[in-house]
Amino acid sequence: MSKNILLISPISIKENTGVAGNIDEKNLYPEIKTCQDMYILPALGSALYDRLQTGIELSNLTTDETNLINLYIKDCLIYYVLSELPMGLNFQFYTKGAVQKTGENTQQPSMQELIDISDRYKTRAEFYKERLIKYLKQVTSNSGLFPQYLQPGSGIDTLVPENSGYTISIVLDDDYGCRGRTFEEKYQGQTGRNCGC
């Protein structure tokens, strides 16, 4: 279960990115928390993620755990937060509903520009996530560091560590050996040929 303990602070985001220093930190907290739960937890697995949060809470992180956070998790999490911020900061909820914020002497980006910005930062985040996963695989197999990574738990809500930091939104040409089928046959459920699919 994820606690409300952040692995990085809003100040880390402001100091290491182009995020303006005057952004209210209360607007950054939910994005950090959500990105931790959505992207870092699946990379680390439940047990290691819980151990890091407990270590922060009790101020008893080991040197190896501190290095894991500072050298591998921090960059990954920062870029995931940046990929979520365009929507989070542009649209806010008030009693009258969702509102898009504007300011004097500013120009609002289009929705496609916001998506492009988000995608750019998500690509960077996935690079750092892949690096994090490879590091954890190497150190757990070579030196036995982070045993929680290899034993994530067994409860129904346990997340086993992911094998890759990259995501693919669509799979192309996944026809399982049925070459030459038309688009309709592949994707519209029409089976005009007897190919065994």
C-alpha atoms as a PDB file:
ATOM      1  CA  MET A   1       0.000   0.000   0.000  1.00  0.00           C
ATOM      2  CA  SER A   2       1.332   3.410  -0.924  1.00  0.00           C
ATOM      3  CA  LYS A   3       1.801   5.893   1.892  1.00  0.00           C
ATOM      4  CA  ASN A   4       1.573   9.650   1.440  1.00  0.00           C
ATOM      5  CA  ILE A   5       5.359   9.963   1.561  1.00  0.00           C
ATOM      6  CA  LEU A   6       7.134  11.591  -1.358  1.00  0.00           C
ATOM      7  CA  LEU A   7      10.403  10.201  -2.695  1.00  0.00           C
ATOM      8  CA  ILE A   8      11.355  13.663  -3.970  1.00  0.00           C
ATOM      9  CA  SER A   9      10.238  17.104  -2.901  1.00  0.00           C
ATOM     10  CA  PRO A  10       8.586  19.824  -4.982  1.00  0.00           C
ATOM     11  CA  ILE A  11      11.774  21.832  -4.454  1.00  0.00           C
ATOM     12  CA  SER A  12      13.712  19.094  -6.310  1.00  0.00           C
ATOM     13  CA  ILE A  13      11.472  19.628  -9.318  1.00  0.00           C
ATOM     14  CA  LYS A  14      11.901  23.400  -9.231  1.00  0.00           C
ATOM     15  CA  GLU A  15      15.684  23.202  -8.802  1.00  0.00           C
ATOM     16  CA  ASN A  16      16.285  20.597 -11.525  1.00  0.00           C
ATOM     17  CA  THR A  17      13.883  21.690 -14.256  1.00  0.00           C
ATOM     18  CA  GLY A  18      12.472  24.721 -15.988  1.00  0.00           C
ATOM     19  CA  VAL A  19       9.430  24.735 -13.697  1.00  0.00           C
ATOM     20  CA  ALA A  20       8.884  28.248 -12.396  1.00  0.00           C
ATOM     21  CA  GLY A  21       9.797  28.835  -8.776  1.00  0.00           C
ATOM     22  CA  ASN A  22       6.519  30.623  -8.094  1.00  0.00           C
ATOM     23  CA  ILE A  23       4.348  27.549  -8.754  1.00  0.00           C
ATOM     24  CA  ASP A  24       2.490  26.683  -5.589  1.00  0.00           C
ATOM     25  CA  GLU A  25       3.910  23.473  -4.142  1.00  0.00           C
ATOM     26  CA  LYS A  26       0.422  22.207  -3.321  1.00  0.00           C
ATOM     27  CA  ASN A  27      -0.080  21.882  -7.101  1.00  0.00           C
ATOM     28  CA  LEU A  28       3.038  19.692  -7.347  1.00  0.00           C
ATOM     29  CA  TYR A  29       2.316  17.312  -4.440  1.00  0.00           C
ATOM     30  CA  PRO A  30      -0.531  15.374  -6.124  1.00  0.00           C
ATOM     31  CA  GLU A  31       1.440  15.019  -9.354  1.00  0.00           C
ATOM     32  CA  ILE A  32       4.480  13.646  -7.505  1.00  0.00           C
ATOM     33  CA  LYS A  33       2.346  11.231  -5.481  1.00  0.00           C
ATOM     34  CA  THR A  34       0.455  10.019  -8.534  1.00  0.00           C
ATOM     35  CA  CYS A  35       3.627   9.536 -10.602  1.00  0.00           C
ATOM     36  CA  GLN A  36       5.250   7.591  -7.770  1.00  0.00           C
ATOM     37  CA  ASP A  37       2.281   5.249  -7.587  1.00  0.00           C
ATOM     38  CA  MET A  38       1.773   4.897 -11.341  1.00  0.00           C
ATOM     39  CA  TYR A  39       5.359   4.634 -12.556  1.00  0.00           C
ATOM     40  CA  ILE A  40       7.907   4.128  -9.749  1.00  0.00           C
ATOM     41  CA  LEU A  41       5.953   1.548  -7.721  1.00  0.00           C
ATOM     42  CA  PRO A  42       5.633  -0.804 -10.742  1.00  0.00           C
ATOM     43  CA  ALA A  43       9.354  -0.408 -11.486  1.00  0.00           C
ATOM     44  CA  LEU A  44      10.459  -1.215  -7.932  1.00  0.00           C
ATOM     45  CA  GLY A  45       7.798  -3.682  -6.882  1.00  0.00           C
ATOM     46  CA  SER A  46       5.720  -3.406  -3.732  1.00  0.00           C
ATOM     47  CA  ALA A  47       8.276  -4.470  -1.114  1.00  0.00           C
ATOM     48  CA  LEU A  48      11.151  -2.220  -2.222  1.00  0.00           C
ATOM     49  CA  TYR A  49       8.819   0.736  -2.749  1.00  0.00           C
ATOM     50  CA  ASP A  50       7.363   0.276   0.750  1.00  0.00           C
ATOM     51  CA  ARG A  51      10.853  -0.035   2.238  1.00  0.00           C
ATOM     52  CA  LEU A  52      11.962   3.261   0.673  1.00  0.00           C
ATOM     53  CA  GLN A  53       8.867   5.058   1.922  1.00  0.00           C
ATOM     54  CA  THR A  54       9.333   3.617   5.412  1.00  0.00           C
ATOM     55  CA  GLY A  55      13.012   4.575   5.342  1.00  0.00           C
ATOM     56  CA  ILE A  56      12.110   8.158   4.494  1.00  0.00           C
ATOM     57  CA  GLU A  57       9.404   8.218   7.162  1.00  0.00           C
ATOM     58  CA  LEU A  58      11.699   6.839   9.878  1.00  0.00           C
ATOM     59  CA  SER A  59      14.865   8.581   8.601  1.00  0.00           C
ATOM     60  CA  ASN A  60      16.737   5.278   8.429  1.00  0.00           C
ATOM     61  CA  LEU A  61      17.564   4.879   4.725  1.00  0.00           C
ATOM     62  CA  THR A  62      20.803   3.028   4.079  1.00  0.00           C
ATOM     63  CA  THR A  63      23.497   4.580   1.916  1.00  0.00           C
ATOM     64  CA  ASP A  64      22.548   2.217  -0.913  1.00  0.00           C
ATOM     65  CA  GLU A  65      18.882   3.209  -0.653  1.00  0.00           C
ATOM     66  CA  THR A  66      19.764   6.906  -0.627  1.00  0.00           C
ATOM     67  CA  ASN A  67      21.930   6.413  -3.704  1.00  0.00           C
ATOM     68  CA  LEU A  68      19.111   4.505  -5.424  1.00  0.00           C
ATOM     69  CA  ILE A  69      16.775   7.437  -4.871  1.00  0.00           C
ATOM     70  CA  ASN A  70      19.274  10.173  -5.738  1.00  0.00           C
ATOM     71  CA  LEU A  71      20.991   8.535  -8.713  1.00  0.00           C
ATOM     72  CA  TYR A  72      18.180   6.540 -10.341  1.00  0.00           C
ATOM     73  CA  ILE A  73      14.694   7.317  -9.055  1.00  0.00           C
ATOM     74  CA  LYS A  74      14.942  11.108  -8.830  1.00  0.00           C
ATOM     75  CA  ASP A  75      15.483  11.841 -12.541  1.00  0.00           C
ATOM     76  CA  CYS A  76      12.897   9.279 -13.576  1.00  0.00           C
ATOM     77  CA  LEU A  77      10.282  10.700 -11.225  1.00  0.00           C
ATOM     78  CA  ILE A  78      11.038  14.318 -12.133  1.00  0.00           C
ATOM     79  CA  TYR A  79      10.386  13.668 -15.815  1.00  0.00           C
ATOM     80  CA  TYR A  80       7.226  11.685 -15.139  1.00  0.00           C
ATOM     81  CA  VAL A  81       5.964  14.617 -13.072  1.00  0.00           C
ATOM     82  CA  LEU A  82       6.823  17.002 -15.907  1.00  0.00           C
ATOM     83  CA  SER A  83       4.881  14.770 -18.304  1.00  0.00           C
ATOM     84  CA  GLU A  84       1.786  15.081 -16.084  1.00  0.00           C
ATOM     85  CA  LEU A  85       2.108  18.793 -15.211  1.00  0.00           C
ATOM     86  CA  PRO A  86       0.822  20.351 -18.451  1.00  0.00           C
ATOM     87  CA  MET A  87      -2.698  19.106 -17.796  1.00  0.00           C
ATOM     88  CA  GLY A  88      -2.489  19.411 -14.014  1.00  0.00           C
ATOM     89  CA  LEU A  89      -1.435  23.045 -14.055  1.00  0.00           C
ATOM     90  CA  ASN A  90      -3.501  24.203 -17.019  1.00  0.00           C
ATOM     91  CA  PHE A  91      -6.822  22.888 -15.801  1.00  0.00           C
ATOM     92  CA  GLN A  92      -8.113  23.316 -12.268  1.00  0.00           C
ATOM     93  CA  PHE A  93     -11.411  22.435 -10.643  1.00  0.00           C
ATOM     94  CA  TYR A  94     -13.593  25.002  -8.919  1.00  0.00           C
ATOM     95  CA  THR A  95     -17.203  25.046  -7.771  1.00  0.00           C
ATOM     96  CA  LYS A  96     -18.252  26.079 -11.275  1.00  0.00           C
ATOM     97  CA  GLY A  97     -16.373  23.170 -12.854  1.00  0.00           C
ATOM     98  CA  ALA A  98     -13.099  22.715 -14.703  1.00  0.00           C
ATOM     99  CA  VAL A  99     -11.355  25.959 -15.645  1.00  0.00           C
ATOM    100  CA  GLN A 100      -8.391  26.596 -17.894  1.00  0.00           C
ATOM    101  CA  LYS A 101      -6.080  29.144 -16.303  1.00  0.00           C
ATOM    102  CA  THR A 102      -4.788  32.092 -18.292  1.00  0.00           C
ATOM    103  CA  GLY A 103      -2.546  34.983 -17.416  1.00  0.00           C
ATOM    104  CA  GLU A 104      -1.707  38.436 -18.655  1.00  0.00           C
ATOM    105  CA  ASN A 105       0.824  38.628 -21.476  1.00  0.00           C
ATOM    106  CA  THR A 106       0.699  34.863 -21.982  1.00  0.00           C
ATOM    107  CA  GLN A 107      -0.503  32.673 -24.786  1.00  0.00           C
ATOM    108  CA  GLN A 108      -2.189  29.378 -24.049  1.00  0.00           C
ATOM    109  CA  PRO A 109      -0.771  26.360 -25.927  1.00  0.00           C
ATOM    110  CA  SER A 110      -3.117  24.246 -27.973  1.00  0.00           C
ATOM    111  CA  MET A 111      -4.214  20.845 -26.687  1.00  0.00           C
ATOM    112  CA  GLN A 112      -1.901  19.177 -29.230  1.00  0.00           C
ATOM    113  CA  GLU A 113       1.036  21.259 -27.974  1.00  0.00           C
ATOM    114  CA  LEU A 114       0.273  20.172 -24.403  1.00  0.00           C
ATOM    115  CA  ILE A 115       0.212  16.535 -25.538  1.00  0.00           C
ATOM    116  CA  ASP A 116       3.514  16.999 -27.387  1.00  0.00           C
ATOM    117  CA  ILE A 117       5.132  18.515 -24.280  1.00  0.00           C
ATOM    118  CA  SER A 118       3.820  15.680 -22.146  1.00  0.00           C
ATOM    119  CA  ASP A 119       5.081  13.054 -24.612  1.00  0.00           C
ATOM    120  CA  ARG A 120       8.521  14.664 -24.743  1.00  0.00           C
ATOM    121  CA  TYR A 121       8.963  14.426 -20.989  1.00  0.00           C
ATOM    122  CA  LYS A 122       7.464  10.942 -20.820  1.00  0.00           C
ATOM    123  CA  THR A 123      10.089   9.752 -23.318  1.00  0.00           C
ATOM    124  CA  ARG A 124      12.812  11.086 -21.031  1.00  0.00           C
ATOM    125  CA  ALA A 125      11.154   9.502 -17.997  1.00  0.00           C
ATOM    126  CA  GLU A 126      11.027   6.116 -19.720  1.00  0.00           C
ATOM    127  CA  PHE A 127      14.742   6.365 -20.509  1.00  0.00           C
ATOM    128  CA  TYR A 128      15.497   6.902 -16.817  1.00  0.00           C
ATOM    129  CA  LYS A 129      13.036   4.183 -15.792  1.00  0.00           C
ATOM    130  CA  GLU A 130      14.776   1.681 -18.079  1.00  0.00           C
ATOM    131  CA  ARG A 131      18.090   2.714 -16.529  1.00  0.00           C
ATOM    132  CA  LEU A 132      16.626   2.233 -13.034  1.00  0.00           C
ATOM    133  CA  ILE A 133      15.301  -1.239 -13.868  1.00  0.00           C
ATOM    134  CA  LYS A 134      18.604  -2.352 -15.416  1.00  0.00           C
ATOM    135  CA  TYR A 135      20.506  -1.091 -12.365  1.00  0.00           C
ATOM    136  CA  LEU A 136      18.219  -2.982  -9.984  1.00  0.00           C
ATOM    137  CA  LYS A 137      18.521  -6.189 -12.013  1.00  0.00           C
ATOM    138  CA  GLN A 138      22.306  -5.900 -12.023  1.00  0.00           C
ATOM    139  CA  VAL A 139      22.835  -5.140  -8.341  1.00  0.00           C
ATOM    140  CA  THR A 140      20.338  -7.689  -7.071  1.00  0.00           C
ATOM    141  CA  SER A 141      21.885 -10.479  -9.126  1.00  0.00           C
ATOM    142  CA  ASN A 142      25.537  -9.497  -8.536  1.00  0.00           C
ATOM    143  CA  SER A 143      25.656  -8.230  -4.961  1.00  0.00           C
ATOM    144  CA  GLY A 144      22.379  -9.113  -3.299  1.00  0.00           C
ATOM    145  CA  LEU A 145      21.465  -5.495  -2.667  1.00  0.00           C
ATOM    146  CA  PHE A 146      17.765  -4.716  -2.333  1.00  0.00           C
ATOM    147  CA  PRO A 147      16.439  -8.221  -1.581  1.00  0.00           C
ATOM    148  CA  GLN A 148      12.926  -6.723  -1.568  1.00  0.00           C
ATOM    149  CA  TYR A 149      13.262  -6.283  -5.326  1.00  0.00           C
ATOM    150  CA  LEU A 150      13.471 -10.049  -5.779  1.00  0.00           C
ATOM    151  CA  GLN A 151      10.772 -10.763  -3.178  1.00  0.00           C
ATOM    152  CA  PRO A 152       8.046  -8.159  -3.758  1.00  0.00           C
ATOM    153  CA  GLY A 153       5.471  -9.964  -1.615  1.00  0.00           C
ATOM    154  CA  SER A 154       2.546 -12.261  -2.223  1.00  0.00           C
ATOM    155  CA  GLY A 155      -0.606 -10.323  -1.363  1.00  0.00           C
ATOM    156  CA  ILE A 156      -3.397  -9.691  -3.841  1.00  0.00           C
ATOM    157  CA  ASP A 157      -2.311  -6.046  -4.167  1.00  0.00           C
ATOM    158  CA  THR A 158       1.398  -6.866  -4.636  1.00  0.00           C
ATOM    159  CA  LEU A 159       3.085  -5.422  -7.680  1.00  0.00           C
ATOM    160  CA  VAL A 160       5.921  -7.446  -9.162  1.00  0.00           C
ATOM    161  CA  PRO A 161       8.700  -5.279 -10.667  1.00  0.00           C
ATOM    162  CA  GLU A 162       8.353  -4.522 -14.365  1.00  0.00           C
ATOM    163  CA  ASN A 163      10.905  -5.866 -16.845  1.00  0.00           C
ATOM    164  CA  SER A 164      11.084  -2.765 -19.025  1.00  0.00           C
ATOM    165  CA  GLY A 165      10.789   0.979 -18.590  1.00  0.00           C
ATOM    166  CA  TYR A 166       9.411   1.566 -22.063  1.00  0.00           C
ATOM    167  CA  THR A 167       5.754   1.459 -23.011  1.00  0.00           C
ATOM    168  CA  ILE A 168       4.231   0.930 -26.432  1.00  0.00           C
ATOM    169  CA  SER A 169       0.752   2.259 -26.972  1.00  0.00           C
ATOM    170  CA  ILE A 170      -0.044   0.127 -30.026  1.00  0.00           C
ATOM    171  CA  VAL A 171       1.277  -3.088 -31.471  1.00  0.00           C
ATOM    172  CA  LEU A 172       1.612  -3.112 -35.239  1.00  0.00           C
ATOM    173  CA  ASP A 173       1.597  -6.179 -37.502  1.00  0.00           C
ATOM    174  CA  ASP A 174       0.794  -8.621 -34.722  1.00  0.00           C
ATOM    175  CA  ASP A 175      -0.912 -11.133 -36.974  1.00  0.00           C
ATOM    176  CA  TYR A 176       0.672 -14.304 -35.540  1.00  0.00           C
ATOM    177  CA  GLY A 177       1.908 -15.611 -38.859  1.00  0.00           C
ATOM    178  CA  CYS A 178      -1.196 -14.763 -40.906  1.00  0.00           C
ATOM    179  CA  ARG A 179       0.584 -12.693 -43.530  1.00  0.00           C
ATOM    180  CA  GLY A 180      -1.380 -11.278 -46.410  1.00  0.00           C
ATOM    181  CA  ARG A 181      -4.652 -10.715 -44.562  1.00  0.00           C
ATOM    182  CA  THR A 182      -6.562  -7.527 -45.296  1.00  0.00           C
ATOM    183  CA  PHE A 183      -7.137  -4.813 -42.715  1.00  0.00           C
ATOM    184  CA  GLU A 184     -10.729  -5.961 -42.271  1.00  0.00           C
ATOM    185  CA  GLU A 185      -9.637  -9.551 -41.715  1.00  0.00           C
ATOM    186  CA  LYS A 186      -7.032  -8.527 -39.146  1.00  0.00           C
ATOM    187  CA  TYR A 187      -8.887  -5.885 -37.183  1.00  0.00           C
ATOM    188  CA  GLN A 188     -12.583  -5.924 -37.982  1.00  0.00           C
ATOM    189  CA  GLY A 189     -13.319  -9.535 -37.113  1.00  0.00           C
ATOM    190  CA  GLN A 190     -13.950 -10.627 -40.687  1.00  0.00           C
ATOM    191  CA  THR A 191     -12.372 -13.990 -41.408  1.00  0.00           C
ATOM    192  CA  GLY A 192     -12.484 -14.400 -45.136  1.00  0.00           C
ATOM    193  CA  ARG A 193      -9.613 -16.887 -45.252  1.00  0.00           C
ATOM    194  CA  ASN A 194      -9.072 -20.127 -43.458  1.00  0.00           C
ATOM    195  CA  CYS A 195      -5.696 -19.349 -41.874  1.00  0.00           C
ATOM    196  CA  GLY A 196      -6.255 -21.007 -38.494  1.00  0.00           C
ATOM    197  CA  CYS A 197      -6.683 -17.769 -36.538  1.00  0.00           C
END
